[in-house]
Amino acid sequence: MAGHPPPAVTGPDGALTFPDLPHGTPLGYGLPPCEAAVLDLPPGGLIALCSDGLVEDRHHDVGAGMERVRGALARAGGDASLTELCTAAVGTLPKAPEDDVTPLLARAR
């Protein structure tokens, strides 16, 4: 996967999914063109961005890592604070990370 993984977003039905968005170049790699995307979040909906270190490493598949994070965010529930959700996502790491691990979450009003 080039660049960072797609965001996890809460849809109108409350399910947390990873929308299929255009892939960009990794941060710091120069100034290539970038495609914009618009996502509609319902009130209270969540968008979660993360660096690739949270979902993959040399020994674990990115798809499995994304499912691990999706499951942690879904289990934490809609009433959890953003801090609790970040802690839950980082808590899914199977071992100490070898790469950067950066979750960034926001909730729609």
N, C-alpha and C. Protein backbone atom coordinates (compact mmCIF):
# COMPACT_ATOMS: atom_id res chain seq x y z
N MET A 1 0.85 -1.16 0.00
CA MET A 1 0.00 0.00 0.00
C MET A 1 0.90 1.23 0.00
N ALA A 2 0.71 2.09 -0.98
CA ALA A 2 1.50 3.32 -1.04
C ALA A 2 0.84 4.37 -0.16
N GLY A 3 1.62 5.05 0.64
CA GLY A 3 1.07 6.09 1.50
C GLY A 3 0.44 5.51 2.74
N HIS A 4 -0.48 6.27 3.29
CA HIS A 4 -1.14 5.87 4.53
C HIS A 4 -2.41 5.09 4.22
N PRO A 5 -2.86 4.28 5.18
CA PRO A 5 -4.10 3.53 4.95
C PRO A 5 -5.30 4.47 4.87
N PRO A 6 -6.40 4.00 4.27
CA PRO A 6 -7.59 4.85 4.19
C PRO A 6 -8.16 5.10 5.58
N PRO A 7 -8.98 6.16 5.72
CA PRO A 7 -9.59 6.40 7.02
C PRO A 7 -10.67 5.37 7.32
N ALA A 8 -10.90 5.17 8.60
CA ALA A 8 -12.06 4.41 9.04
C ALA A 8 -13.16 5.44 9.31
N VAL A 9 -14.35 5.20 8.80
CA VAL A 9 -15.45 6.15 9.00
C VAL A 9 -16.70 5.42 9.43
N THR A 10 -17.52 6.13 10.20
CA THR A 10 -18.81 5.61 10.60
C THR A 10 -19.83 6.01 9.56
N GLY A 11 -20.54 5.04 9.00
CA GLY A 11 -21.56 5.32 8.02
C GLY A 11 -22.89 5.64 8.67
N PRO A 12 -23.90 5.93 7.85
CA PRO A 12 -25.23 6.26 8.37
C PRO A 12 -25.82 5.16 9.24
N ASP A 13 -25.44 3.90 8.98
CA ASP A 13 -25.96 2.79 9.76
C ASP A 13 -25.15 2.53 11.03
N GLY A 14 -24.10 3.33 11.26
CA GLY A 14 -23.27 3.17 12.44
C GLY A 14 -22.12 2.21 12.27
N ALA A 15 -22.06 1.50 11.13
CA ALA A 15 -20.97 0.55 10.88
C ALA A 15 -19.68 1.31 10.55
N LEU A 16 -18.58 0.81 11.06
CA LEU A 16 -17.28 1.40 10.81
C LEU A 16 -16.65 0.70 9.61
N THR A 17 -16.35 1.46 8.56
CA THR A 17 -15.80 0.89 7.33
C THR A 17 -14.58 1.68 6.87
N PHE A 18 -13.87 1.13 5.91
CA PHE A 18 -12.75 1.80 5.27
C PHE A 18 -13.18 2.11 3.83
N PRO A 19 -13.55 3.35 3.52
CA PRO A 19 -14.00 3.65 2.16
C PRO A 19 -12.85 3.54 1.16
N ASP A 20 -13.19 3.19 -0.06
CA ASP A 20 -12.21 3.08 -1.13
C ASP A 20 -11.93 4.50 -1.65
N LEU A 21 -10.78 5.03 -1.31
CA LEU A 21 -10.41 6.39 -1.70
C LEU A 21 -9.17 6.37 -2.57
N PRO A 22 -8.95 7.45 -3.34
CA PRO A 22 -7.72 7.51 -4.14
C PRO A 22 -6.49 7.44 -3.23
N HIS A 23 -5.48 6.69 -3.67
CA HIS A 23 -4.24 6.58 -2.89
C HIS A 23 -3.33 7.75 -3.22
N GLY A 24 -2.67 8.27 -2.23
CA GLY A 24 -1.72 9.35 -2.42
C GLY A 24 -0.31 8.86 -2.18
N THR A 25 0.61 9.76 -2.34
CA THR A 25 2.02 9.46 -2.11
C THR A 25 2.31 9.64 -0.62
N PRO A 26 3.24 8.89 -0.07
CA PRO A 26 3.58 9.06 1.34
C PRO A 26 3.98 10.50 1.66
N LEU A 27 3.63 10.94 2.86
CA LEU A 27 3.99 12.29 3.29
C LEU A 27 5.50 12.48 3.21
N GLY A 28 5.92 13.65 2.79
CA GLY A 28 7.33 13.96 2.72
C GLY A 28 8.02 13.47 1.46
N TYR A 29 7.27 12.92 0.53
CA TYR A 29 7.85 12.35 -0.67
C TYR A 29 7.91 13.35 -1.83
N GLY A 30 7.60 14.57 -1.60
CA GLY A 30 7.59 15.56 -2.67
C GLY A 30 6.21 16.15 -2.84
N LEU A 31 5.98 16.71 -3.99
CA LEU A 31 4.71 17.41 -4.23
C LEU A 31 3.97 16.85 -5.44
N PRO A 32 3.64 15.57 -5.45
CA PRO A 32 2.87 15.02 -6.57
C PRO A 32 1.42 15.50 -6.49
N PRO A 33 0.69 15.36 -7.59
CA PRO A 33 -0.72 15.74 -7.53
C PRO A 33 -1.48 14.90 -6.50
N CYS A 34 -2.52 15.48 -5.96
CA CYS A 34 -3.31 14.81 -4.92
C CYS A 34 -4.78 14.93 -5.28
N GLU A 35 -5.52 13.84 -5.19
CA GLU A 35 -6.96 13.86 -5.44
C GLU A 35 -7.71 14.11 -4.14
N ALA A 36 -8.70 14.97 -4.21
CA ALA A 36 -9.53 15.25 -3.04
C ALA A 36 -10.69 14.25 -2.99
N ALA A 37 -11.20 14.03 -1.79
CA ALA A 37 -12.36 13.17 -1.60
C ALA A 37 -13.26 13.82 -0.55
N VAL A 38 -14.55 13.68 -0.72
CA VAL A 38 -15.52 14.22 0.23
C VAL A 38 -16.25 13.05 0.86
N LEU A 39 -16.28 13.02 2.19
CA LEU A 39 -16.99 11.99 2.94
C LEU A 39 -18.05 12.67 3.79
N ASP A 40 -19.26 12.18 3.74
CA ASP A 40 -20.34 12.68 4.59
C ASP A 40 -20.42 11.81 5.83
N LEU A 41 -20.32 12.45 6.99
CA LEU A 41 -20.45 11.74 8.26
C LEU A 41 -21.76 12.14 8.91
N PRO A 42 -22.48 11.18 9.47
CA PRO A 42 -23.70 11.53 10.20
C PRO A 42 -23.32 12.23 11.51
N PRO A 43 -24.26 12.98 12.11
CA PRO A 43 -23.97 13.58 13.41
C PRO A 43 -23.49 12.51 14.39
N GLY A 44 -22.38 12.77 15.05
CA GLY A 44 -21.79 11.80 15.96
C GLY A 44 -20.91 10.79 15.27
N GLY A 45 -20.86 10.85 13.93
CA GLY A 45 -20.04 9.92 13.15
C GLY A 45 -18.56 10.15 13.41
N LEU A 46 -17.77 9.15 13.13
CA LEU A 46 -16.35 9.16 13.44
C LEU A 46 -15.53 9.02 12.17
N ILE A 47 -14.42 9.74 12.11
CA ILE A 47 -13.40 9.50 11.09
C ILE A 47 -12.10 9.26 11.84
N ALA A 48 -11.42 8.19 11.48
CA ALA A 48 -10.17 7.81 12.13
C ALA A 48 -9.09 7.68 11.07
N LEU A 49 -8.06 8.47 11.20
CA LEU A 49 -6.89 8.41 10.32
C LEU A 49 -5.74 7.82 11.13
N CYS A 50 -4.86 7.10 10.46
CA CYS A 50 -3.71 6.56 11.18
C CYS A 50 -2.54 6.39 10.25
N SER A 51 -1.36 6.34 10.83
CA SER A 51 -0.17 6.03 10.07
C SER A 51 -0.10 4.52 9.85
N ASP A 52 0.69 4.12 8.87
CA ASP A 52 0.74 2.70 8.54
C ASP A 52 1.32 1.84 9.65
N GLY A 53 2.09 2.43 10.56
CA GLY A 53 2.66 1.66 11.66
C GLY A 53 1.63 1.08 12.60
N LEU A 54 0.41 1.64 12.58
CA LEU A 54 -0.65 1.11 13.44
C LEU A 54 -1.28 -0.15 12.84
N VAL A 55 -1.21 -0.31 11.53
CA VAL A 55 -1.92 -1.42 10.89
C VAL A 55 -1.04 -2.44 10.20
N GLU A 56 0.26 -2.18 10.06
CA GLU A 56 1.10 -3.17 9.39
C GLU A 56 2.55 -3.09 9.87
N ASP A 57 3.23 -4.20 9.71
CA ASP A 57 4.68 -4.24 9.90
C ASP A 57 5.20 -5.40 9.05
N ARG A 58 6.46 -5.71 9.18
CA ARG A 58 7.06 -6.76 8.35
C ARG A 58 6.45 -8.13 8.59
N HIS A 59 5.81 -8.31 9.72
CA HIS A 59 5.31 -9.64 10.09
C HIS A 59 3.79 -9.75 10.06
N HIS A 60 3.08 -8.62 9.85
CA HIS A 60 1.62 -8.64 9.90
C HIS A 60 1.05 -7.93 8.69
N ASP A 61 0.04 -8.51 8.09
CA ASP A 61 -0.63 -8.01 6.91
C ASP A 61 -1.43 -6.75 7.21
N VAL A 62 -1.43 -5.79 6.27
CA VAL A 62 -2.15 -4.54 6.46
C VAL A 62 -3.66 -4.77 6.59
N GLY A 63 -4.21 -5.70 5.83
CA GLY A 63 -5.65 -5.98 5.90
C GLY A 63 -6.06 -6.48 7.28
N ALA A 64 -5.26 -7.37 7.83
CA ALA A 64 -5.53 -7.88 9.17
C ALA A 64 -5.39 -6.76 10.21
N GLY A 65 -4.41 -5.90 10.02
CA GLY A 65 -4.22 -4.77 10.94
C GLY A 65 -5.38 -3.79 10.89
N MET A 66 -5.90 -3.52 9.68
CA MET A 66 -7.03 -2.62 9.56
C MET A 66 -8.26 -3.22 10.24
N GLU A 67 -8.46 -4.52 10.09
CA GLU A 67 -9.59 -5.18 10.75
C GLU A 67 -9.43 -5.16 12.27
N ARG A 68 -8.20 -5.31 12.74
CA ARG A 68 -7.91 -5.26 14.17
C ARG A 68 -8.29 -3.89 14.73
N VAL A 69 -7.90 -2.83 14.03
CA VAL A 69 -8.21 -1.46 14.46
C VAL A 69 -9.71 -1.19 14.34
N ARG A 70 -10.33 -1.63 13.23
CA ARG A 70 -11.77 -1.43 13.06
C ARG A 70 -12.53 -2.10 14.19
N GLY A 71 -12.14 -3.31 14.53
CA GLY A 71 -12.80 -4.02 15.62
C GLY A 71 -12.65 -3.31 16.95
N ALA A 72 -11.46 -2.78 17.23
CA ALA A 72 -11.24 -2.07 18.50
C ALA A 72 -12.08 -0.81 18.58
N LEU A 73 -12.17 -0.07 17.47
CA LEU A 73 -12.97 1.15 17.47
C LEU A 73 -14.46 0.84 17.60
N ALA A 74 -14.89 -0.23 16.95
CA ALA A 74 -16.30 -0.61 17.03
C ALA A 74 -16.65 -1.11 18.43
N ARG A 75 -15.76 -1.91 19.04
CA ARG A 75 -16.01 -2.43 20.39
C ARG A 75 -16.05 -1.31 21.42
N ALA A 76 -15.23 -0.28 21.23
CA ALA A 76 -15.20 0.82 22.19
C ALA A 76 -16.53 1.57 22.20
N GLY A 77 -17.25 1.54 21.09
CA GLY A 77 -18.60 2.11 21.05
C GLY A 77 -18.65 3.61 20.80
N GLY A 78 -19.86 4.06 20.45
CA GLY A 78 -20.08 5.46 20.11
C GLY A 78 -20.02 6.40 21.29
N ASP A 79 -20.12 5.87 22.51
CA ASP A 79 -20.08 6.73 23.68
C ASP A 79 -18.66 6.94 24.21
N ALA A 80 -17.69 6.24 23.65
CA ALA A 80 -16.31 6.37 24.11
C ALA A 80 -15.74 7.72 23.68
N SER A 81 -14.88 8.28 24.51
CA SER A 81 -14.22 9.53 24.16
C SER A 81 -13.20 9.26 23.06
N LEU A 82 -12.77 10.31 22.38
CA LEU A 82 -11.76 10.15 21.34
C LEU A 82 -10.46 9.61 21.94
N THR A 83 -10.13 10.03 23.14
CA THR A 83 -8.94 9.52 23.82
C THR A 83 -9.07 8.01 24.06
N GLU A 84 -10.24 7.57 24.52
CA GLU A 84 -10.47 6.14 24.75
C GLU A 84 -10.38 5.35 23.45
N LEU A 85 -10.90 5.92 22.37
CA LEU A 85 -10.83 5.25 21.08
C LEU A 85 -9.39 5.14 20.58
N CYS A 86 -8.61 6.21 20.73
CA CYS A 86 -7.19 6.15 20.34
C CYS A 86 -6.46 5.10 21.15
N THR A 87 -6.72 5.07 22.45
CA THR A 87 -6.08 4.08 23.32
C THR A 87 -6.47 2.67 22.90
N ALA A 88 -7.73 2.47 22.56
CA ALA A 88 -8.19 1.14 22.12
C ALA A 88 -7.50 0.74 20.82
N ALA A 89 -7.36 1.66 19.88
CA ALA A 89 -6.72 1.35 18.60
C ALA A 89 -5.25 1.00 18.80
N VAL A 90 -4.53 1.81 19.56
CA VAL A 90 -3.11 1.55 19.81
C VAL A 90 -2.94 0.27 20.62
N GLY A 91 -3.89 -0.02 21.48
CA GLY A 91 -3.84 -1.22 22.31
C GLY A 91 -3.95 -2.51 21.53
N THR A 92 -4.29 -2.44 20.24
CA THR A 92 -4.40 -3.65 19.43
C THR A 92 -3.05 -4.12 18.88
N LEU A 93 -2.02 -3.31 19.04
CA LEU A 93 -0.71 -3.69 18.50
C LEU A 93 -0.24 -4.99 19.13
N PRO A 94 0.19 -5.95 18.33
CA PRO A 94 0.61 -7.24 18.87
C PRO A 94 1.95 -7.17 19.61
N LYS A 95 2.74 -6.15 19.35
CA LYS A 95 4.04 -5.99 20.01
C LYS A 95 4.46 -4.54 19.91
N ALA A 96 5.60 -4.20 20.48
CA ALA A 96 6.11 -2.83 20.39
C ALA A 96 6.32 -2.48 18.92
N PRO A 97 5.85 -1.31 18.49
CA PRO A 97 5.95 -0.96 17.07
C PRO A 97 7.39 -0.68 16.63
N GLU A 98 7.66 -1.02 15.38
CA GLU A 98 8.95 -0.72 14.76
C GLU A 98 8.86 0.54 13.91
N ASP A 99 7.66 1.06 13.71
CA ASP A 99 7.40 2.21 12.85
C ASP A 99 6.56 3.21 13.64
N ASP A 100 6.33 4.37 13.03
CA ASP A 100 5.50 5.36 13.70
C ASP A 100 4.07 4.85 13.85
N VAL A 101 3.45 5.20 14.96
CA VAL A 101 2.07 4.82 15.25
C VAL A 101 1.34 6.10 15.64
N THR A 102 0.47 6.57 14.72
CA THR A 102 -0.20 7.83 14.95
C THR A 102 -1.68 7.73 14.61
N PRO A 103 -2.55 7.64 15.60
CA PRO A 103 -3.99 7.71 15.32
C PRO A 103 -4.46 9.16 15.44
N LEU A 104 -5.38 9.55 14.58
CA LEU A 104 -5.99 10.88 14.62
C LEU A 104 -7.48 10.67 14.41
N LEU A 105 -8.30 11.02 15.40
CA LEU A 105 -9.73 10.79 15.32
C LEU A 105 -10.49 12.10 15.46
N ALA A 106 -11.63 12.18 14.78
CA ALA A 106 -12.53 13.33 14.90
C ALA A 106 -13.96 12.82 14.84
N ARG A 107 -14.84 13.52 15.54
CA ARG A 107 -16.26 13.14 15.56
C ARG A 107 -17.06 14.30 14.97
N ALA A 108 -18.00 13.97 14.07
CA ALA A 108 -18.84 14.98 13.44
C ALA A 108 -19.88 15.51 14.44
N ARG A 109 -20.23 16.73 14.28
CA ARG A 109 -21.27 17.33 15.13
C ARG A 109 -22.57 17.42 14.40
